[in-house]
Amino acid sequence: MTNRAITLHGRHDLRLETAPDPAPGPGEVRVAVSHGGICGSDLHYWADGGIGTIRVREPIILGHEFAGRVESVGDGVEGLALGDVVAVNPSQPCGSCRFCDEGLAHHCLNMRFTGSAMFLPHEQGGFRDRITVAAHRCAQFSPDTDPAHAACAEPLAVCLHAAAQASDLAGKRVLVTGAGPIGALCAAVARARGAAEVIVTDVQDATLAVASRMGATRTVNVAREPSALDAEAEEKGRIDVAFECSAAVPAIETAIRCLRPRGQLVQVGVAGTTPLPLNMLVAKEIAFLGTHRFGPEFVEAARMIDDGTIDVAPILTHEFAPEDCEAAFVTAQDRARAVKVHIRFGG
């Protein structure tokens, strides 16, 4: 049986090709991929040929948000059986560098991340019919869980890790800037963590509508209502915690302006060198917190999807066949109508 794979050869050069399909060895399982989500990093590889200084230097199978069903099991694997719904953790820390030794495996100096061009040879991704992986990387779901939902474990894990950077959200007033997949999921996590209010901003009504379905108590189109948050900035600010998911300078400035003294700004969105209003940041003693990937939150994300604590269905706006991968990437880039775009392999 052919193992189709969506392979990037260079900027705007996606091809549906055949990938190797090895049988699982000891401790491994072969997963028939059902759904793979297009992430912002996939879009950067496709549109720009890389991310920052990371360049695509050889053909790479994209995709690190994916789930499917176990198709075959290697020797010594326990706890997984044929047909089980699983999501595959893309992180592969070395386990022996100084950060792994410190319990910070998500900062591993030798991290191999599925679908990443960081190292050469590149780490091939999950946009393919079948993939063989170490069994310990699989998070298991109930048999009736939709694999499309399971494929959202990775982005949800990112948001859970972001929430862990902040203090207790219970009863807090939270601002989320940017209503893409990560912003919408951050809103859902904030509500699940007991936030009293969750305000989400964006410049697109379609994505804000999704954020409302994900738990936002108020949405603001800042392009149409540029002064709508002025009241939140009064008396040195009224927001307790902000999750900045856009990396847009105006959004960062708005978050800092609206945060109360000793509030917390968790920077989730990524960009290059970015100007900051340091005077406000310092004067209000705001804690500016970075967040990077995830660790044990991957398993937590799988559990929250599986038990219905967080319903990811509202963010799933589009689905394409592998043959239509080019259209899928074009759609995923269209923030006016798309949130999370999936490629369905059918495993």
C-alpha atoms as a PDB file:
ATOM      1  CA  MET A   1       0.000   0.000   0.000  1.00  0.00           C
ATOM      2  CA  THR A   2       1.377   3.421  -0.969  1.00  0.00           C
ATOM      3  CA  ASN A   3       2.336   5.710   1.891  1.00  0.00           C
ATOM      4  CA  ARG A   4       1.490   9.171   0.582  1.00  0.00           C
ATOM      5  CA  ALA A   5       3.301  12.127   2.141  1.00  0.00           C
ATOM      6  CA  ILE A   6       3.020  15.897   1.741  1.00  0.00           C
ATOM      7  CA  THR A   7       6.612  16.935   1.114  1.00  0.00           C
ATOM      8  CA  LEU A   8       7.999  20.464   0.860  1.00  0.00           C
ATOM      9  CA  HIS A   9      10.884  20.856  -1.590  1.00  0.00           C
ATOM     10  CA  GLY A  10      11.211  24.612  -1.273  1.00  0.00           C
ATOM     11  CA  ARG A  11       9.215  27.809  -1.044  1.00  0.00           C
ATOM     12  CA  HIS A  12       5.654  27.178  -2.374  1.00  0.00           C
ATOM     13  CA  ASP A  13       6.747  23.757  -3.643  1.00  0.00           C
ATOM     14  CA  LEU A  14       4.504  21.130  -2.023  1.00  0.00           C
ATOM     15  CA  ARG A  15       4.364  17.672  -3.557  1.00  0.00           C
ATOM     16  CA  LEU A  16       2.341  14.577  -2.753  1.00  0.00           C
ATOM     17  CA  GLU A  17       4.967  11.839  -2.859  1.00  0.00           C
ATOM     18  CA  THR A  18       5.655   8.356  -1.528  1.00  0.00           C
ATOM     19  CA  ALA A  19       7.362   7.967   1.851  1.00  0.00           C
ATOM     20  CA  PRO A  20       9.050   4.923   3.405  1.00  0.00           C
ATOM     21  CA  ASP A  21       6.698   2.742   5.440  1.00  0.00           C
ATOM     22  CA  PRO A  22       8.771   0.653   7.867  1.00  0.00           C
ATOM     23  CA  ALA A  23       7.213  -1.974  10.096  1.00  0.00           C
ATOM     24  CA  PRO A  24       7.369  -1.101  13.796  1.00  0.00           C
ATOM     25  CA  GLY A  25      10.381  -2.404  15.669  1.00  0.00           C
ATOM     26  CA  PRO A  26      10.585  -3.191  19.383  1.00  0.00           C
ATOM     27  CA  GLY A  27       8.834  -0.504  21.421  1.00  0.00           C
ATOM     28  CA  GLU A  28       7.273   1.085  18.330  1.00  0.00           C
ATOM     29  CA  VAL A  29       3.823   1.346  16.767  1.00  0.00           C
ATOM     30  CA  ARG A  30       2.709   2.223  13.269  1.00  0.00           C
ATOM     31  CA  VAL A  31      -0.058   4.834  13.228  1.00  0.00           C
ATOM     32  CA  ALA A  32      -2.487   5.224  10.354  1.00  0.00           C
ATOM     33  CA  VAL A  33      -2.775   9.010  10.321  1.00  0.00           C
ATOM     34  CA  SER A  34      -6.313  10.342  10.242  1.00  0.00           C
ATOM     35  CA  HIS A  35      -5.927  14.111  10.570  1.00  0.00           C
ATOM     36  CA  GLY A  36      -3.038  16.571  10.547  1.00  0.00           C
ATOM     37  CA  GLY A  37      -3.380  20.233  11.476  1.00  0.00           C
ATOM     38  CA  ILE A  38      -1.564  22.995   9.593  1.00  0.00           C
ATOM     39  CA  CYS A  39       0.379  25.102  12.109  1.00  0.00           C
ATOM     40  CA  GLY A  40       1.905  28.548  11.729  1.00  0.00           C
ATOM     41  CA  SER A  41       5.354  26.975  11.451  1.00  0.00           C
ATOM     42  CA  ASP A  42       4.158  24.805   8.544  1.00  0.00           C
ATOM     43  CA  LEU A  43       2.901  27.960   6.844  1.00  0.00           C
ATOM     44  CA  HIS A  44       6.258  29.690   7.348  1.00  0.00           C
ATOM     45  CA  TYR A  45       8.139  26.754   5.843  1.00  0.00           C
ATOM     46  CA  TRP A  46       5.777  26.752   2.851  1.00  0.00           C
ATOM     47  CA  ALA A  47       5.522  30.519   2.304  1.00  0.00           C
ATOM     48  CA  ASP A  48       9.060  31.589   3.260  1.00  0.00           C
ATOM     49  CA  GLY A  49      11.182  28.464   2.903  1.00  0.00           C
ATOM     50  CA  GLY A  50      12.001  28.539   6.596  1.00  0.00           C
ATOM     51  CA  ILE A  51      11.493  30.171   9.977  1.00  0.00           C
ATOM     52  CA  GLY A  52      13.958  32.899  10.892  1.00  0.00           C
ATOM     53  CA  THR A  53      17.433  31.457  10.450  1.00  0.00           C
ATOM     54  CA  ILE A  54      16.083  27.903  10.049  1.00  0.00           C
ATOM     55  CA  ARG A  55      16.002  27.029   6.335  1.00  0.00           C
ATOM     56  CA  VAL A  56      14.588  24.058   4.465  1.00  0.00           C
ATOM     57  CA  ARG A  57      17.722  22.444   2.993  1.00  0.00           C
ATOM     58  CA  GLU A  58      16.271  19.156   1.795  1.00  0.00           C
ATOM     59  CA  PRO A  59      12.780  17.774   1.089  1.00  0.00           C
ATOM     60  CA  ILE A  60      10.799  17.619   4.323  1.00  0.00           C
ATOM     61  CA  ILE A  61       7.478  16.025   5.202  1.00  0.00           C
ATOM     62  CA  LEU A  62       5.623  18.713   7.120  1.00  0.00           C
ATOM     63  CA  GLY A  63       3.219  18.354  10.032  1.00  0.00           C
ATOM     64  CA  HIS A  64       3.551  18.000  13.796  1.00  0.00           C
ATOM     65  CA  GLU A  65      -0.114  18.148  14.888  1.00  0.00           C
ATOM     66  CA  PHE A  66      -1.543  14.757  13.970  1.00  0.00           C
ATOM     67  CA  ALA A  67      -3.514  11.808  15.233  1.00  0.00           C
ATOM     68  CA  GLY A  68      -4.825   8.502  13.964  1.00  0.00           C
ATOM     69  CA  ARG A  69      -5.294   4.863  14.869  1.00  0.00           C
ATOM     70  CA  VAL A  70      -2.715   2.246  15.802  1.00  0.00           C
ATOM     71  CA  GLU A  71      -2.274  -0.030  12.788  1.00  0.00           C
ATOM     72  CA  SER A  72       0.426  -2.398  14.049  1.00  0.00           C
ATOM     73  CA  VAL A  73       2.389  -2.924  17.244  1.00  0.00           C
ATOM     74  CA  GLY A  74       6.039  -3.859  17.723  1.00  0.00           C
ATOM     75  CA  ASP A  75       7.457  -6.255  20.287  1.00  0.00           C
ATOM     76  CA  GLY A  76       7.382  -5.165  23.894  1.00  0.00           C
ATOM     77  CA  VAL A  77       4.668  -2.538  23.527  1.00  0.00           C
ATOM     78  CA  GLU A  78       2.154  -2.525  26.352  1.00  0.00           C
ATOM     79  CA  GLY A  79      -1.021  -0.504  26.757  1.00  0.00           C
ATOM     80  CA  LEU A  80      -1.654   0.090  23.052  1.00  0.00           C
ATOM     81  CA  ALA A  81      -3.636  -2.149  20.744  1.00  0.00           C
ATOM     82  CA  LEU A  82      -4.760  -2.203  17.130  1.00  0.00           C
ATOM     83  CA  GLY A  83      -7.377   0.431  16.421  1.00  0.00           C
ATOM     84  CA  ASP A  84      -6.578   2.653  19.414  1.00  0.00           C
ATOM     85  CA  VAL A  85      -6.992   6.377  18.772  1.00  0.00           C
ATOM     86  CA  VAL A  86      -3.734   8.188  19.525  1.00  0.00           C
ATOM     87  CA  ALA A  87      -2.109  11.575  19.123  1.00  0.00           C
ATOM     88  CA  VAL A  88       1.647  11.599  18.587  1.00  0.00           C
ATOM     89  CA  ASN A  89       3.819  13.902  20.678  1.00  0.00           C
ATOM     90  CA  PRO A  90       6.213  15.625  18.227  1.00  0.00           C
ATOM     91  CA  SER A  91       8.828  16.366  20.916  1.00  0.00           C
ATOM     92  CA  GLN A  92      11.802  14.016  21.095  1.00  0.00           C
ATOM     93  CA  PRO A  93      14.229  15.327  23.753  1.00  0.00           C
ATOM     94  CA  CYS A  94      17.575  13.614  24.119  1.00  0.00           C
ATOM     95  CA  GLY A  95      17.147  12.907  27.832  1.00  0.00           C
ATOM     96  CA  SER A  96      20.801  13.540  28.639  1.00  0.00           C
ATOM     97  CA  CYS A  97      21.644  17.228  28.126  1.00  0.00           C
ATOM     98  CA  ARG A  98      21.787  19.651  31.062  1.00  0.00           C
ATOM     99  CA  PHE A  99      18.223  20.906  30.534  1.00  0.00           C
ATOM    100  CA  CYS A 100      16.823  17.393  30.331  1.00  0.00           C
ATOM    101  CA  ASP A 101      18.686  16.635  33.559  1.00  0.00           C
ATOM    102  CA  GLU A 102      17.082  19.716  35.149  1.00  0.00           C
ATOM    103  CA  GLY A 103      13.572  18.580  34.239  1.00  0.00           C
ATOM    104  CA  LEU A 104      13.318  21.101  31.401  1.00  0.00           C
ATOM    105  CA  ALA A 105      13.152  18.646  28.524  1.00  0.00           C
ATOM    106  CA  HIS A 106      11.219  21.116  26.353  1.00  0.00           C
ATOM    107  CA  HIS A 107      14.438  23.190  26.318  1.00  0.00           C
ATOM    108  CA  CYS A 108      16.540  20.171  25.288  1.00  0.00           C
ATOM    109  CA  LEU A 109      19.736  21.193  23.512  1.00  0.00           C
ATOM    110  CA  ASN A 110      19.341  18.315  21.064  1.00  0.00           C
ATOM    111  CA  MET A 111      15.569  18.333  20.619  1.00  0.00           C
ATOM    112  CA  ARG A 112      14.317  16.511  17.549  1.00  0.00           C
ATOM    113  CA  PHE A 113      10.883  17.889  16.744  1.00  0.00           C
ATOM    114  CA  THR A 114       8.673  16.172  14.185  1.00  0.00           C
ATOM    115  CA  GLY A 115       8.337  18.169  10.977  1.00  0.00           C
ATOM    116  CA  SER A 116      11.227  20.489  11.848  1.00  0.00           C
ATOM    117  CA  ALA A 117      14.105  21.682   9.637  1.00  0.00           C
ATOM    118  CA  MET A 118      16.217  22.687  12.638  1.00  0.00           C
ATOM    119  CA  PHE A 119      18.753  19.924  12.058  1.00  0.00           C
ATOM    120  CA  LEU A 120      20.122  18.201   8.988  1.00  0.00           C
ATOM    121  CA  PRO A 121      18.863  15.673   8.135  1.00  0.00           C
ATOM    122  CA  HIS A 122      15.476  17.227   8.819  1.00  0.00           C
ATOM    123  CA  GLU A 123      13.033  15.544  11.188  1.00  0.00           C
ATOM    124  CA  GLN A 124      10.311  14.246   8.907  1.00  0.00           C
ATOM    125  CA  GLY A 125       6.720  15.076   9.856  1.00  0.00           C
ATOM    126  CA  GLY A 126       3.322  13.472  10.122  1.00  0.00           C
ATOM    127  CA  PHE A 127       1.492  14.624   6.990  1.00  0.00           C
ATOM    128  CA  ARG A 128       1.412  11.097   5.558  1.00  0.00           C
ATOM    129  CA  ASP A 129      -0.801   8.038   5.480  1.00  0.00           C
ATOM    130  CA  ARG A 130       1.245   6.098   8.049  1.00  0.00           C
ATOM    131  CA  ILE A 131       4.086   6.809  10.416  1.00  0.00           C
ATOM    132  CA  THR A 132       6.099   4.553  12.741  1.00  0.00           C
ATOM    133  CA  VAL A 133       6.964   6.099  16.111  1.00  0.00           C
ATOM    134  CA  ALA A 134       8.075   5.098  19.594  1.00  0.00           C
ATOM    135  CA  ALA A 135       5.028   3.928  21.525  1.00  0.00           C
ATOM    136  CA  HIS A 136       5.800   6.194  24.488  1.00  0.00           C
ATOM    137  CA  ARG A 137       5.148   9.221  22.274  1.00  0.00           C
ATOM    138  CA  CYS A 138       1.491   8.234  21.823  1.00  0.00           C
ATOM    139  CA  ALA A 139      -1.277   9.683  23.991  1.00  0.00           C
ATOM    140  CA  GLN A 140      -4.241   7.342  23.985  1.00  0.00           C
ATOM    141  CA  PHE A 141      -7.892   8.387  23.627  1.00  0.00           C
ATOM    142  CA  SER A 142     -11.235   6.678  24.120  1.00  0.00           C
ATOM    143  CA  PRO A 143     -12.360   4.580  21.139  1.00  0.00           C
ATOM    144  CA  ASP A 144     -15.155   6.997  20.243  1.00  0.00           C
ATOM    145  CA  THR A 145     -13.023  10.157  20.313  1.00  0.00           C
ATOM    146  CA  ASP A 146     -12.868  11.820  16.901  1.00  0.00           C
ATOM    147  CA  PRO A 147      -9.242  11.662  15.670  1.00  0.00           C
ATOM    148  CA  ALA A 148      -9.735  15.188  14.291  1.00  0.00           C
ATOM    149  CA  HIS A 149     -10.186  16.347  17.881  1.00  0.00           C
ATOM    150  CA  ALA A 150      -7.259  14.228  19.070  1.00  0.00           C
ATOM    151  CA  ALA A 151      -5.041  15.997  16.515  1.00  0.00           C
ATOM    152  CA  CYS A 152      -5.545  19.220  18.502  1.00  0.00           C
ATOM    153  CA  ALA A 153      -3.621  17.852  21.495  1.00  0.00           C
ATOM    154  CA  GLU A 154      -0.389  19.544  20.424  1.00  0.00           C
ATOM    155  CA  PRO A 155      -1.701  23.130  20.081  1.00  0.00           C
ATOM    156  CA  LEU A 156      -3.762  22.708  23.252  1.00  0.00           C
ATOM    157  CA  ALA A 157      -0.608  21.558  25.068  1.00  0.00           C
ATOM    158  CA  VAL A 158       1.090  24.797  23.954  1.00  0.00           C
ATOM    159  CA  CYS A 159      -1.746  26.777  25.564  1.00  0.00           C
ATOM    160  CA  LEU A 160      -1.721  24.723  28.757  1.00  0.00           C
ATOM    161  CA  HIS A 161       2.005  25.397  29.094  1.00  0.00           C
ATOM    162  CA  ALA A 162       1.363  29.108  28.515  1.00  0.00           C
ATOM    163  CA  ALA A 163      -1.272  29.112  31.256  1.00  0.00           C
ATOM    164  CA  ALA A 164       1.170  27.380  33.590  1.00  0.00           C
ATOM    165  CA  GLN A 165       3.521  30.359  33.283  1.00  0.00           C
ATOM    166  CA  ALA A 166       0.909  32.598  34.905  1.00  0.00           C
ATOM    167  CA  SER A 167      -0.406  32.482  38.435  1.00  0.00           C
ATOM    168  CA  ASP A 168      -3.763  30.959  39.324  1.00  0.00           C
ATOM    169  CA  LEU A 169      -6.377  32.184  36.837  1.00  0.00           C
ATOM    170  CA  ALA A 170      -9.377  31.476  39.052  1.00  0.00           C
ATOM    171  CA  GLY A 171     -11.528  34.582  39.358  1.00  0.00           C
ATOM    172  CA  LYS A 172      -9.123  36.637  37.215  1.00  0.00           C
ATOM    173  CA  ARG A 173      -9.863  39.016  34.357  1.00  0.00           C
ATOM    174  CA  VAL A 174      -7.975  37.717  31.322  1.00  0.00           C
ATOM    175  CA  LEU A 175      -7.166  39.332  27.979  1.00  0.00           C
ATOM    176  CA  VAL A 176      -6.224  37.258  24.918  1.00  0.00           C
ATOM    177  CA  THR A 177      -4.874  39.185  21.934  1.00  0.00           C
ATOM    178  CA  GLY A 178      -5.168  37.287  18.663  1.00  0.00           C
ATOM    179  CA  ALA A 179      -7.980  34.831  17.891  1.00  0.00           C
ATOM    180  CA  GLY A 180      -6.169  32.273  15.786  1.00  0.00           C
ATOM    181  CA  PRO A 181      -6.063  28.630  16.903  1.00  0.00           C
ATOM    182  CA  ILE A 182      -3.723  29.364  19.804  1.00  0.00           C
ATOM    183  CA  GLY A 183      -5.668  32.416  20.940  1.00  0.00           C
ATOM    184  CA  ALA A 184      -8.970  30.529  20.839  1.00  0.00           C
ATOM    185  CA  LEU A 185      -7.478  27.626  22.783  1.00  0.00           C
ATOM    186  CA  CYS A 186      -5.910  30.012  25.319  1.00  0.00           C
ATOM    187  CA  ALA A 187      -9.385  31.445  25.879  1.00  0.00           C
ATOM    188  CA  ALA A 188     -10.738  27.939  26.439  1.00  0.00           C
ATOM    189  CA  VAL A 189      -7.938  27.105  28.873  1.00  0.00           C
ATOM    190  CA  ALA A 190      -8.499  30.342  30.800  1.00  0.00           C
ATOM    191  CA  ARG A 191     -12.191  29.517  31.240  1.00  0.00           C
ATOM    192  CA  ALA A 192     -11.350  25.943  32.218  1.00  0.00           C
ATOM    193  CA  ARG A 193      -8.954  27.354  34.823  1.00  0.00           C
ATOM    194  CA  GLY A 194     -11.768  29.425  36.340  1.00  0.00           C
ATOM    195  CA  ALA A 195     -11.176  32.898  34.862  1.00  0.00           C
ATOM    196  CA  ALA A 196     -14.076  35.223  35.654  1.00  0.00           C
ATOM    197  CA  GLU A 197     -13.826  37.084  32.353  1.00  0.00           C
ATOM    198  CA  VAL A 198     -11.975  36.371  29.113  1.00  0.00           C
ATOM    199  CA  ILE A 199     -11.748  39.188  26.585  1.00  0.00           C
ATOM    200  CA  VAL A 200     -10.423  38.219  23.146  1.00  0.00           C
ATOM    201  CA  THR A 201      -9.285  40.722  20.514  1.00  0.00           C
ATOM    202  CA  ASP A 202      -8.583  40.327  16.814  1.00  0.00           C
ATOM    203  CA  VAL A 203      -9.153  42.136  13.523  1.00  0.00           C
ATOM    204  CA  GLN A 204     -11.397  39.439  11.986  1.00  0.00           C
ATOM    205  CA  ASP A 205     -15.020  38.823  12.923  1.00  0.00           C
ATOM    206  CA  ALA A 206     -14.934  35.182  11.782  1.00  0.00           C
ATOM    207  CA  THR A 207     -12.131  34.219  14.158  1.00  0.00           C
ATOM    208  CA  LEU A 208     -13.699  36.206  16.994  1.00  0.00           C
ATOM    209  CA  ALA A 209     -16.935  34.266  16.497  1.00  0.00           C
ATOM    210  CA  VAL A 210     -14.952  31.050  17.007  1.00  0.00           C
ATOM    211  CA  ALA A 211     -13.343  32.508  20.139  1.00  0.00           C
ATOM    212  CA  SER A 212     -16.812  33.154  21.539  1.00  0.00           C
ATOM    213  CA  ARG A 213     -17.697  29.506  21.034  1.00  0.00           C
ATOM    214  CA  MET A 214     -14.448  28.541  22.779  1.00  0.00           C
ATOM    215  CA  GLY A 215     -15.307  30.460  25.943  1.00  0.00           C
ATOM    216  CA  ALA A 216     -14.586  34.159  25.420  1.00  0.00           C
ATOM    217  CA  THR A 217     -16.992  36.246  27.485  1.00  0.00           C
ATOM    218  CA  ARG A 218     -16.391  39.280  25.266  1.00  0.00           C
ATOM    219  CA  THR A 219     -14.789  39.769  21.858  1.00  0.00           C
ATOM    220  CA  VAL A 220     -13.489  43.000  20.361  1.00  0.00           C
ATOM    221  CA  ASN A 221     -12.645  43.723  16.732  1.00  0.00           C
ATOM    222  CA  VAL A 222      -9.895  46.267  17.350  1.00  0.00           C
ATOM    223  CA  ALA A 223      -9.808  47.273  13.677  1.00  0.00           C
ATOM    224  CA  ARG A 224     -13.431  48.386  13.822  1.00  0.00           C
ATOM    225  CA  GLU A 225     -13.459  49.494  17.482  1.00  0.00           C
ATOM    226  CA  PRO A 226      -9.973  50.848  18.242  1.00  0.00           C
ATOM    227  CA  SER A 227     -11.076  52.517  21.501  1.00  0.00           C
ATOM    228  CA  ALA A 228     -13.189  49.626  22.803  1.00  0.00           C
ATOM    229  CA  LEU A 229     -10.589  48.658  25.418  1.00  0.00           C
ATOM    230  CA  ASP A 230      -9.932  52.165  26.718  1.00  0.00           C
ATOM    231  CA  ALA A 231     -11.974  51.446  29.847  1.00  0.00           C
ATOM    232  CA  GLU A 232      -9.728  48.448  30.601  1.00  0.00           C
ATOM    233  CA  ALA A 233      -6.724  50.793  30.705  1.00  0.00           C
ATOM    234  CA  GLU A 234      -8.250  53.211  33.209  1.00  0.00           C
ATOM    235  CA  GLU A 235      -6.762  53.603  36.697  1.00  0.00           C
ATOM    236  CA  LYS A 236      -3.501  51.963  35.580  1.00  0.00           C
ATOM    237  CA  GLY A 237      -5.286  48.965  34.088  1.00  0.00           C
ATOM    238  CA  ARG A 238      -7.944  46.411  35.003  1.00  0.00           C
ATOM    239  CA  ILE A 239      -6.662  43.180  33.407  1.00  0.00           C
ATOM    240  CA  ASP A 240      -4.943  40.626  35.642  1.00  0.00           C
ATOM    241  CA  VAL A 241      -3.353  38.346  33.027  1.00  0.00           C
ATOM    242  CA  ALA A 242      -2.847  38.781  29.282  1.00  0.00           C
ATOM    243  CA  PHE A 243      -1.992  36.059  26.786  1.00  0.00           C
ATOM    244  CA  GLU A 244      -0.488  37.774  23.748  1.00  0.00           C
ATOM    245  CA  CYS A 245      -0.945  35.414  20.797  1.00  0.00           C
ATOM    246  CA  SER A 246      -0.368  37.643  17.774  1.00  0.00           C
ATOM    247  CA  ALA A 247       3.162  39.075  18.184  1.00  0.00           C
ATOM    248  CA  ALA A 248       1.757  42.287  16.649  1.00  0.00           C
ATOM    249  CA  VAL A 249       3.237  45.449  18.152  1.00  0.00           C
ATOM    250  CA  PRO A 250      -0.147  47.189  18.625  1.00  0.00           C
ATOM    251  CA  ALA A 251      -1.515  44.109  20.424  1.00  0.00           C
ATOM    252  CA  ILE A 252       1.480  43.934  22.759  1.00  0.00           C
ATOM    253  CA  GLU A 253       1.098  47.634  23.538  1.00  0.00           C
ATOM    254  CA  THR A 254      -2.624  47.186  24.196  1.00  0.00           C
ATOM    255  CA  ALA A 255      -1.962  44.285  26.552  1.00  0.00           C
ATOM    256  CA  ILE A 256       0.589  46.293  28.561  1.00  0.00           C
ATOM    257  CA  ARG A 257      -1.714  49.321  28.634  1.00  0.00           C
ATOM    258  CA  CYS A 258      -4.643  47.273  29.965  1.00  0.00           C
ATOM    259  CA  LEU A 259      -2.744  45.223  32.536  1.00  0.00           C
ATOM    260  CA  ARG A 260      -3.029  46.325  36.139  1.00  0.00           C
ATOM    261  CA  PRO A 261       0.101  46.949  38.218  1.00  0.00           C
ATOM    262  CA  ARG A 262       1.863  43.641  38.864  1.00  0.00           C
ATOM    263  CA  GLY A 263      -0.215  41.989  36.196  1.00  0.00           C
ATOM    264  CA  GLN A 264       1.247  39.245  34.038  1.00  0.00           C
ATOM    265  CA  LEU A 265       1.864  39.258  30.297  1.00  0.00           C
ATOM    266  CA  VAL A 266       2.449  35.802  28.820  1.00  0.00           C
ATOM    267  CA  GLN A 267       3.986  36.192  25.364  1.00  0.00           C
ATOM    268  CA  VAL A 268       2.767  33.272  23.262  1.00  0.00           C
ATOM    269  CA  GLY A 269       3.087  34.766  19.768  1.00  0.00           C
ATOM    270  CA  VAL A 270       6.555  34.759  18.232  1.00  0.00           C
ATOM    271  CA  ALA A 271       8.271  37.380  16.093  1.00  0.00           C
ATOM    272  CA  GLY A 272      11.704  38.893  15.578  1.00  0.00           C
ATOM    273  CA  THR A 273      13.043  42.012  17.280  1.00  0.00           C
ATOM    274  CA  THR A 274       9.991  43.888  18.549  1.00  0.00           C
ATOM    275  CA  PRO A 275       9.691  47.329  20.186  1.00  0.00           C
ATOM    276  CA  LEU A 276       8.099  47.426  23.641  1.00  0.00           C
ATOM    277  CA  PRO A 277       6.732  50.289  25.778  1.00  0.00           C
ATOM    278  CA  LEU A 278       9.288  49.610  28.501  1.00  0.00           C
ATOM    279  CA  ASN A 279       8.217  52.670  30.473  1.00  0.00           C
ATOM    280  CA  MET A 280       4.774  51.162  31.165  1.00  0.00           C
ATOM    281  CA  LEU A 281       6.196  47.674  31.615  1.00  0.00           C
ATOM    282  CA  VAL A 282       8.560  48.945  34.311  1.00  0.00           C
ATOM    283  CA  ALA A 283       6.278  51.535  35.933  1.00  0.00           C
ATOM    284  CA  LYS A 284       3.462  49.021  36.430  1.00  0.00           C
ATOM    285  CA  GLU A 285       5.860  46.243  37.519  1.00  0.00           C
ATOM    286  CA  ILE A 286       4.399  43.912  34.929  1.00  0.00           C
ATOM    287  CA  ALA A 287       5.806  40.390  34.772  1.00  0.00           C
ATOM    288  CA  PHE A 288       6.685  39.712  31.113  1.00  0.00           C
ATOM    289  CA  LEU A 289       6.757  35.915  30.732  1.00  0.00           C
ATOM    290  CA  GLY A 290       7.837  33.837  27.778  1.00  0.00           C
ATOM    291  CA  THR A 291       6.419  30.403  26.999  1.00  0.00           C
ATOM    292  CA  HIS A 292       7.940  27.723  24.785  1.00  0.00           C
ATOM    293  CA  ARG A 293       6.298  24.532  23.536  1.00  0.00           C
ATOM    294  CA  PHE A 294       5.222  22.139  26.310  1.00  0.00           C
ATOM    295  CA  GLY A 295       6.267  19.207  28.445  1.00  0.00           C
ATOM    296  CA  PRO A 296       3.889  16.961  30.380  1.00  0.00           C
ATOM    297  CA  GLU A 297       1.047  19.200  29.183  1.00  0.00           C
ATOM    298  CA  PHE A 298       0.729  17.014  26.065  1.00  0.00           C
ATOM    299  CA  VAL A 299      -0.780  14.197  28.087  1.00  0.00           C
ATOM    300  CA  GLU A 300      -2.932  16.678  30.010  1.00  0.00           C
ATOM    301  CA  ALA A 301      -4.197  18.143  26.732  1.00  0.00           C
ATOM    302  CA  ALA A 302      -5.143  14.693  25.465  1.00  0.00           C
ATOM    303  CA  ARG A 303      -7.054  14.005  28.664  1.00  0.00           C
ATOM    304  CA  MET A 304      -8.941  17.323  28.506  1.00  0.00           C
ATOM    305  CA  ILE A 305     -10.000  16.679  24.917  1.00  0.00           C
ATOM    306  CA  ASP A 306     -10.919  13.084  25.660  1.00  0.00           C
ATOM    307  CA  ASP A 307     -13.108  13.829  28.675  1.00  0.00           C
ATOM    308  CA  GLY A 308     -14.735  16.873  27.108  1.00  0.00           C
ATOM    309  CA  THR A 309     -13.243  19.447  29.488  1.00  0.00           C
ATOM    310  CA  ILE A 310     -12.319  21.420  26.373  1.00  0.00           C
ATOM    311  CA  ASP A 311     -14.309  21.015  23.167  1.00  0.00           C
ATOM    312  CA  VAL A 312     -11.997  21.781  20.265  1.00  0.00           C
ATOM    313  CA  ALA A 313     -14.679  21.363  17.588  1.00  0.00           C
ATOM    314  CA  PRO A 314     -15.305  25.133  17.094  1.00  0.00           C
ATOM    315  CA  ILE A 315     -11.744  25.794  15.908  1.00  0.00           C
ATOM    316  CA  LEU A 316     -11.941  23.102  13.186  1.00  0.00           C
ATOM    317  CA  THR A 317     -13.062  25.271  10.292  1.00  0.00           C
ATOM    318  CA  HIS A 318     -11.739  23.475   7.193  1.00  0.00           C
ATOM    319  CA  GLU A 319     -10.707  19.999   6.063  1.00  0.00           C
ATOM    320  CA  PHE A 320      -8.927  18.969   2.848  1.00  0.00           C
ATOM    321  CA  ALA A 321      -7.777  15.776   1.173  1.00  0.00           C
ATOM    322  CA  PRO A 322      -4.016  15.276   0.732  1.00  0.00           C
ATOM    323  CA  GLU A 323      -4.420  15.820  -3.021  1.00  0.00           C
ATOM    324  CA  ASP A 324      -5.640  19.341  -2.225  1.00  0.00           C
ATOM    325  CA  CYS A 325      -2.765  20.226   0.094  1.00  0.00           C
ATOM    326  CA  GLU A 326      -1.909  23.408  -1.807  1.00  0.00           C
ATOM    327  CA  ALA A 327      -5.459  24.694  -1.347  1.00  0.00           C
ATOM    328  CA  ALA A 328      -5.301  23.679   2.301  1.00  0.00           C
ATOM    329  CA  PHE A 329      -2.216  25.829   2.892  1.00  0.00           C
ATOM    330  CA  VAL A 330      -3.698  28.783   1.000  1.00  0.00           C
ATOM    331  CA  THR A 331      -6.840  28.530   3.120  1.00  0.00           C
ATOM    332  CA  ALA A 332      -4.884  28.212   6.369  1.00  0.00           C
ATOM    333  CA  GLN A 333      -3.127  31.461   5.519  1.00  0.00           C
ATOM    334  CA  ASP A 334      -6.470  33.274   5.150  1.00  0.00           C
ATOM    335  CA  ARG A 335      -7.135  34.651   8.631  1.00  0.00           C
ATOM    336  CA  ALA A 336     -10.405  36.188   7.485  1.00  0.00           C
ATOM    337  CA  ARG A 337     -12.096  32.789   7.396  1.00  0.00           C
ATOM    338  CA  ALA A 338      -9.863  29.988   8.670  1.00  0.00           C
ATOM    339  CA  VAL A 339      -8.867  29.000  12.190  1.00  0.00           C
ATOM    340  CA  LYS A 340      -7.597  25.415  12.211  1.00  0.00           C
ATOM    341  CA  VAL A 341      -7.267  23.704   8.846  1.00  0.00           C
ATOM    342  CA  HIS A 342      -6.891  19.926   8.781  1.00  0.00           C
ATOM    343  CA  ILE A 343      -5.660  17.548   6.134  1.00  0.00           C
ATOM    344  CA  ARG A 344      -7.576  14.288   6.332  1.00  0.00           C
ATOM    345  CA  PHE A 345      -5.679  11.150   5.423  1.00  0.00           C
ATOM    346  CA  GLY A 346      -8.450   8.805   6.567  1.00  0.00           C
ATOM    347  CA  GLY A 347      -6.505   6.428   8.817  1.00  0.00           C
END
